[in-house]
Protein backbone atom coordinates (compact mmCIF):
# COMPACT_ATOMS: atom_id res chain seq x y z
CA MET A 1 86.39 66.79 96.78
CA THR A 2 84.01 65.84 99.54
CA GLY A 3 84.71 66.86 103.09
CA LEU A 4 84.11 69.57 105.65
CA ARG A 5 83.51 73.26 104.94
CA TYR A 6 86.27 75.69 105.76
CA VAL A 7 85.00 79.26 106.17
CA TYR A 8 87.34 82.19 105.46
CA ALA A 9 85.13 85.23 105.81
CA VAL A 10 81.64 86.70 105.46
CA CYS A 11 80.96 89.62 103.13
CA ARG A 12 78.29 91.19 100.99
CA PRO A 13 77.49 89.41 97.71
CA LEU A 14 80.22 90.09 95.14
CA GLY A 15 79.49 91.49 91.72
CA THR A 16 82.40 89.53 90.22
CA PRO A 17 83.75 86.00 90.72
CA LEU A 18 86.84 85.28 92.77
CA PRO A 19 90.19 85.30 90.87
CA ALA A 20 90.43 82.22 88.65
CA GLY A 21 93.81 81.09 90.05
CA LEU A 22 92.97 81.56 93.72
CA ARG A 23 93.51 78.48 95.88
CA GLY A 24 92.66 78.12 99.51
CA VAL A 25 93.37 75.73 102.35
CA ALA A 26 94.04 72.16 101.22
CA ASP A 27 94.60 73.61 97.72
CA ASP A 28 90.84 73.80 97.07
CA ARG A 29 89.33 76.65 95.11
CA PRO A 30 87.20 78.93 97.34
CA ARG A 31 83.60 79.53 96.36
CA LEU A 32 80.81 81.91 97.37
CA LEU A 33 77.94 80.56 99.45
CA VAL A 34 75.19 83.23 99.27
CA HIS A 35 72.63 83.39 102.08
CA HIS A 36 70.13 86.23 101.58
CA ASP A 37 72.19 89.49 101.59
CA LEU A 38 75.32 87.88 103.00
CA THR A 39 77.98 85.64 101.50
CA ALA A 40 80.24 83.09 103.21
CA VAL A 41 83.49 82.34 101.38
CA VAL A 42 84.17 78.64 101.80
CA SER A 43 86.14 75.70 100.47
CA ARG A 44 86.20 71.97 101.10
CA VAL A 45 88.80 70.42 103.36
CA PRO A 46 89.36 66.74 104.22
CA ALA A 47 88.01 65.43 107.49
CA ASP A 48 91.25 63.45 107.85
CA ASP A 49 93.00 66.76 108.54
CA PHE A 50 90.25 69.01 109.89
CA ALA A 51 88.05 66.88 112.11
CA GLU A 52 88.56 67.56 115.80
CA GLU A 53 91.31 65.11 116.70
CA PRO A 54 93.54 65.45 113.60
CA LEU A 55 93.15 69.22 113.69
CA ARG A 56 94.35 69.39 117.25
CA ALA A 57 97.41 67.37 116.32
CA HIS A 58 98.07 69.58 113.27
CA LEU A 59 97.92 72.73 115.41
CA GLU A 60 101.07 71.50 117.14
CA ASP A 61 102.86 71.23 113.77
CA LEU A 62 104.28 74.70 113.07
CA ASP A 63 104.99 73.99 109.40
CA TRP A 64 101.45 72.78 108.76
CA LEU A 65 100.01 75.68 110.72
CA ALA A 66 102.08 78.22 108.79
CA ALA A 67 101.05 76.78 105.43
CA THR A 68 97.38 76.76 106.46
CA ALA A 69 97.63 80.36 107.71
CA ARG A 70 99.21 81.50 104.44
CA ALA A 71 96.47 79.90 102.38
CA HIS A 72 93.80 81.38 104.66
CA GLN A 73 95.39 84.84 104.39
CA ASP A 74 95.71 84.60 100.61
CA VAL A 75 91.94 84.20 100.33
CA VAL A 76 91.21 87.04 102.75
CA ASP A 77 93.68 89.30 100.92
CA ALA A 78 91.98 88.55 97.60
CA LEU A 79 88.65 89.48 99.13
CA THR A 80 90.06 92.66 100.67
CA ALA A 81 91.10 93.82 97.19
CA VAL A 82 87.51 93.78 95.93
CA THR A 83 85.21 94.07 98.94
CA THR A 84 85.02 94.41 102.73
CA PRO A 85 85.40 90.93 104.28
CA LEU A 86 84.82 89.94 107.89
CA PRO A 87 87.53 87.29 108.40
CA LEU A 88 86.79 84.30 110.58
CA ARG A 89 89.43 82.69 112.74
CA LEU A 90 91.90 80.26 111.34
CA ALA A 91 90.52 76.73 110.95
CA THR A 92 86.83 77.56 111.32
CA VAL A 93 85.21 74.38 109.96
CA PHE A 94 81.61 73.16 109.64
CA HIS A 95 80.08 69.86 108.51
CA ASP A 96 78.38 71.08 105.34
CA ASP A 97 76.83 74.07 103.50
CA GLY A 98 73.69 73.88 105.60
CA ALA A 99 75.69 74.31 108.79
CA VAL A 100 77.48 77.30 107.32
CA ARG A 101 74.16 78.89 106.37
CA ALA A 102 72.86 78.29 109.91
CA MET A 103 75.90 80.09 111.34
CA VAL A 104 75.42 83.02 108.97
CA GLU A 105 71.70 83.24 109.83
CA ASP A 106 72.43 83.16 113.56
CA ARG A 107 75.02 85.93 113.30
CA ALA A 108 73.36 87.92 110.52
CA ASP A 109 72.58 91.05 112.52
CA GLY A 110 76.12 91.32 113.85
CA PHE A 111 77.60 90.65 110.42
CA ARG A 112 75.46 93.33 108.81
CA ARG A 113 76.28 95.89 111.46
CA ALA A 114 80.01 95.24 111.13
CA LEU A 115 79.86 95.36 107.33
CA ASP A 116 77.97 98.66 107.42
CA ARG A 117 80.57 100.15 109.73
CA LEU A 118 83.64 98.81 107.92
CA SER A 119 82.52 99.15 104.27
CA GLY A 120 85.11 100.95 102.20
CA ARG A 121 87.73 100.86 104.98
CA VAL A 122 90.91 98.91 105.48
CA GLU A 123 93.32 98.31 108.34
CA TRP A 124 96.90 99.51 108.33
CA GLY A 125 99.46 98.32 110.88
CA VAL A 126 102.27 100.51 112.16
CA LYS A 127 105.13 99.46 114.44
CA VAL A 128 107.96 101.53 115.85
CA TYR A 129 111.18 99.96 117.16
CA ALA A 130 114.10 101.30 119.09
CA VAL A 131 117.19 100.04 117.27
CA PRO A 132 120.44 101.45 118.76
CA ASP A 133 123.00 102.40 116.08
CA ALA A 134 125.66 105.01 115.44
CA GLY A 135 123.10 107.75 115.86
CA THR A 136 122.25 106.72 119.42
CA GLY A 137 125.44 104.98 120.53
CA PRO A 138 128.56 106.44 122.18
CA PRO A 139 130.45 109.21 120.29
CA ALA A 140 133.43 108.37 118.12
CA GLY A 141 136.54 107.67 120.15
CA ASP A 142 134.57 106.68 123.25
CA ALA A 143 135.86 103.64 125.10
CA THR A 144 132.78 101.69 124.17
CA GLY A 145 133.48 102.09 120.44
CA ASP A 146 131.12 102.48 117.51
CA ALA A 147 128.23 100.01 117.31
CA THR A 148 128.22 100.13 113.50
CA GLY A 149 131.83 99.16 112.90
CA GLY A 150 134.00 102.05 114.19
CA ALA A 151 136.78 101.72 116.75
CA PRO A 152 136.30 98.53 118.77
CA PRO A 153 135.75 98.84 122.52
CA ALA A 154 138.97 99.22 124.50
CA LYS A 155 139.78 96.26 126.71
CA PRO A 156 138.77 97.15 130.26
CA ALA A 157 141.85 97.93 132.38
CA SER A 158 140.00 97.04 135.54
CA GLY A 159 136.68 95.94 136.91
CA ARG A 160 135.79 99.59 137.31
CA ASP A 161 136.50 100.26 133.64
CA TYR A 162 134.33 97.30 132.69
CA LEU A 163 131.44 98.60 134.75
CA ARG A 164 131.89 102.09 133.26
CA GLN A 165 131.77 100.77 129.70
CA ARG A 166 128.77 98.64 130.49
CA HIS A 167 126.98 101.65 132.00
CA ARG A 168 127.67 103.68 128.84
CA ARG A 169 126.19 100.92 126.66
CA VAL A 170 123.10 100.78 128.86
CA MET A 171 122.72 104.55 128.66
CA ALA A 172 123.00 104.39 124.84
CA ARG A 173 120.22 101.80 124.71
CA GLU A 174 118.08 103.86 127.07
CA THR A 175 118.53 106.91 124.87
CA ALA A 176 117.42 104.95 121.81
CA ALA A 177 114.35 103.70 123.67
CA GLN A 178 113.47 107.19 124.86
CA ARG A 179 113.76 108.62 121.39
CA ALA A 180 111.71 105.80 119.91
CA GLU A 181 109.01 106.20 122.53
CA ARG A 182 108.77 109.93 121.85
CA LEU A 183 108.49 109.24 118.09
CA ALA A 184 105.90 106.55 118.72
CA GLU A 185 103.75 108.88 120.81
CA GLN A 186 103.91 111.66 118.25
CA LEU A 187 103.27 109.33 115.29
CA HIS A 188 100.35 107.61 116.97
CA HIS A 189 98.77 111.00 117.67
CA THR A 190 99.20 112.09 114.04
CA LEU A 191 97.95 108.84 112.54
CA SER A 192 94.97 108.60 114.87
CA ALA A 193 93.86 112.03 113.62
CA HIS A 194 93.89 110.71 110.03
CA ALA A 195 92.13 107.43 110.84
CA GLU A 196 88.55 106.68 111.82
CA ALA A 197 89.65 104.41 114.66
CA ALA A 198 92.85 103.13 116.21
CA ARG A 199 93.81 100.14 118.36
CA LEU A 200 96.96 99.74 120.46
CA HIS A 201 98.21 96.15 120.69
CA PRO A 202 100.76 94.79 123.15
CA PRO A 203 104.40 95.24 121.99
CA GLN A 204 105.63 92.45 119.78
CA ARG A 205 108.70 90.44 120.63
CA GLY A 206 111.61 90.79 118.28
CA ALA A 207 111.69 87.06 117.50
CA LEU A 208 108.18 87.32 116.01
CA SER A 209 108.76 90.52 114.07
CA GLY A 210 112.18 89.69 112.60
CA VAL A 211 113.44 93.15 113.70
CA SER A 212 116.42 93.47 116.04
CA GLY A 213 115.14 96.02 118.48
CA THR A 214 112.57 96.88 121.11
CA ASN A 215 108.98 97.34 119.93
CA VAL A 216 107.54 100.52 121.46
CA LEU A 217 104.44 100.93 119.24
CA ASN A 218 102.25 98.19 117.79
CA ALA A 219 99.09 99.84 116.50
CA ALA A 220 96.31 99.30 113.96
CA TYR A 221 94.37 102.06 112.19
CA LEU A 222 91.07 101.92 110.40
CA VAL A 223 91.32 104.11 107.28
CA PRO A 224 88.96 104.82 104.37
CA ARG A 225 90.43 103.37 101.15
CA GLU A 226 90.44 106.75 99.44
CA ARG A 227 92.58 108.22 102.27
CA SER A 228 95.10 105.39 102.38
CA GLY A 229 97.61 107.24 100.18
CA GLU A 230 97.67 110.20 102.54
CA PHE A 231 97.93 107.93 105.55
CA THR A 232 100.84 105.86 104.20
CA GLU A 233 102.71 109.04 103.20
CA LEU A 234 102.60 110.20 106.84
CA VAL A 235 104.19 106.92 107.87
CA GLU A 236 106.84 107.18 105.19
CA GLN A 237 107.77 110.68 106.38
CA ALA A 238 108.35 109.35 109.89
CA LYS A 239 110.77 106.64 108.84
CA ASP A 240 113.88 108.80 108.72
CA GLN A 241 113.03 111.32 111.39
CA VAL A 242 114.81 109.80 114.38
CA PRO A 243 118.14 107.93 114.26
CA GLY A 244 118.05 104.63 116.08
CA THR A 245 114.43 103.89 115.27
CA GLU A 246 112.69 101.77 112.70
CA VAL A 247 109.13 102.33 111.50
CA LEU A 248 107.27 99.49 109.79
CA LEU A 249 104.04 99.76 107.81
CA THR A 250 101.89 96.75 106.89
CA GLY A 251 98.64 96.47 105.01
CA PRO A 252 96.16 97.09 103.72
CA TRP A 253 94.45 94.36 105.66
CA ALA A 254 90.92 93.32 106.37
CA ALA A 255 89.87 95.12 109.58
CA TYR A 256 90.86 92.32 111.96
CA SER A 257 91.50 94.66 114.91
CA PHE A 258 88.07 96.30 114.76
CA LEU A 259 85.73 93.33 114.37
CA GLU A 260 85.15 92.20 117.92
CA SER A 261 83.73 95.49 119.16
CA LEU A 262 81.19 95.49 116.32
CA MET A 263 79.83 91.96 116.83
CA GLU A 264 77.04 90.86 119.12
CA PRO A 265 77.69 88.33 121.91
CA GLU A 266 78.12 85.02 120.17
CA PRO A 267 75.21 82.55 120.43
CA THR A 268 75.58 78.84 120.95
CA ALA A 269 75.99 77.09 117.60
CA PRO A 270 73.36 74.64 116.30
CA ASP A 271 73.89 71.07 117.46
CA ASP A 272 74.41 69.80 113.90
CA GLY A 273 76.42 72.81 112.74
CA PRO A 274 80.13 72.64 113.49
CA ALA A 275 82.26 69.68 112.69
CA ALA A 276 84.06 69.87 116.03
CA ASP A 277 85.14 72.25 118.74
CA GLY A 278 88.69 73.08 119.64
CA GLY A 279 91.62 75.31 118.77
CA GLY A 280 89.68 77.78 116.61
CA HIS A 281 87.77 74.87 115.05
CA GLY A 282 84.09 74.05 115.36
CA ASP A 283 81.35 76.21 116.74
CA ASP A 284 81.38 79.90 116.01
CA ARG A 285 82.19 80.69 119.64
CA HIS A 286 85.71 79.80 118.48
CA GLY A 287 85.55 80.45 114.77
CA ALA A 288 83.67 83.73 114.29
CA PRO A 289 85.28 87.13 114.57
């Protein structure tokens, strides 16, 4: 298939080929483009979808965007299982192999520094949510009832009763949040001591996470592979410590959260390099980590 070059990541040369059944964006098989001591992982994508104008239109199509993101992540995950990749942003596209090599050459020092720092390490994500339940709600027999299916709330006899019940429900939610925040603080302290680096991200909205609750910790941890078992065990131990909380562990991932601080300021891309510029597409001011 002719077309543009989609770049997933940069890594050190691999000693083994990519998995035989691995497919990337546009269902093309990724391949390794070696440039000196660095390797770009690329595949071909059609200009009809990934040139500047059609790409901008596609980025408004949530179904297309989700499918592309899954294919992108599948390739990065396959790389993470066998090496330390530096993922590029979604929809980083160049005209041809020569333009990809020029990008790698321009960014070589930053790529090497990041690879040296991240080699043998993976990222784990940990989130803590406040999720009010029977453990944090009103006691049995209270006028507000049991949030998990006990006695239903009594019908307010007056406006004052209604306000009292509402106040009790608010207090129950506040208690859950306070407990979750205390757990989050303690867990972050413990995990940070077992990680080489940590990053705190803004809380995630429930609609994005799929969890019904308030996100009070959204953190990433850089952990040596050989210590990942110990790290994940600490997270598992925290899951049942506090009623009314939910602890989620994700990973291992490529070290997305730790790339930017390791990279040099990004240079202007060559004039004949990128296919276009926009929405994470085109020159490596948008596409590189």
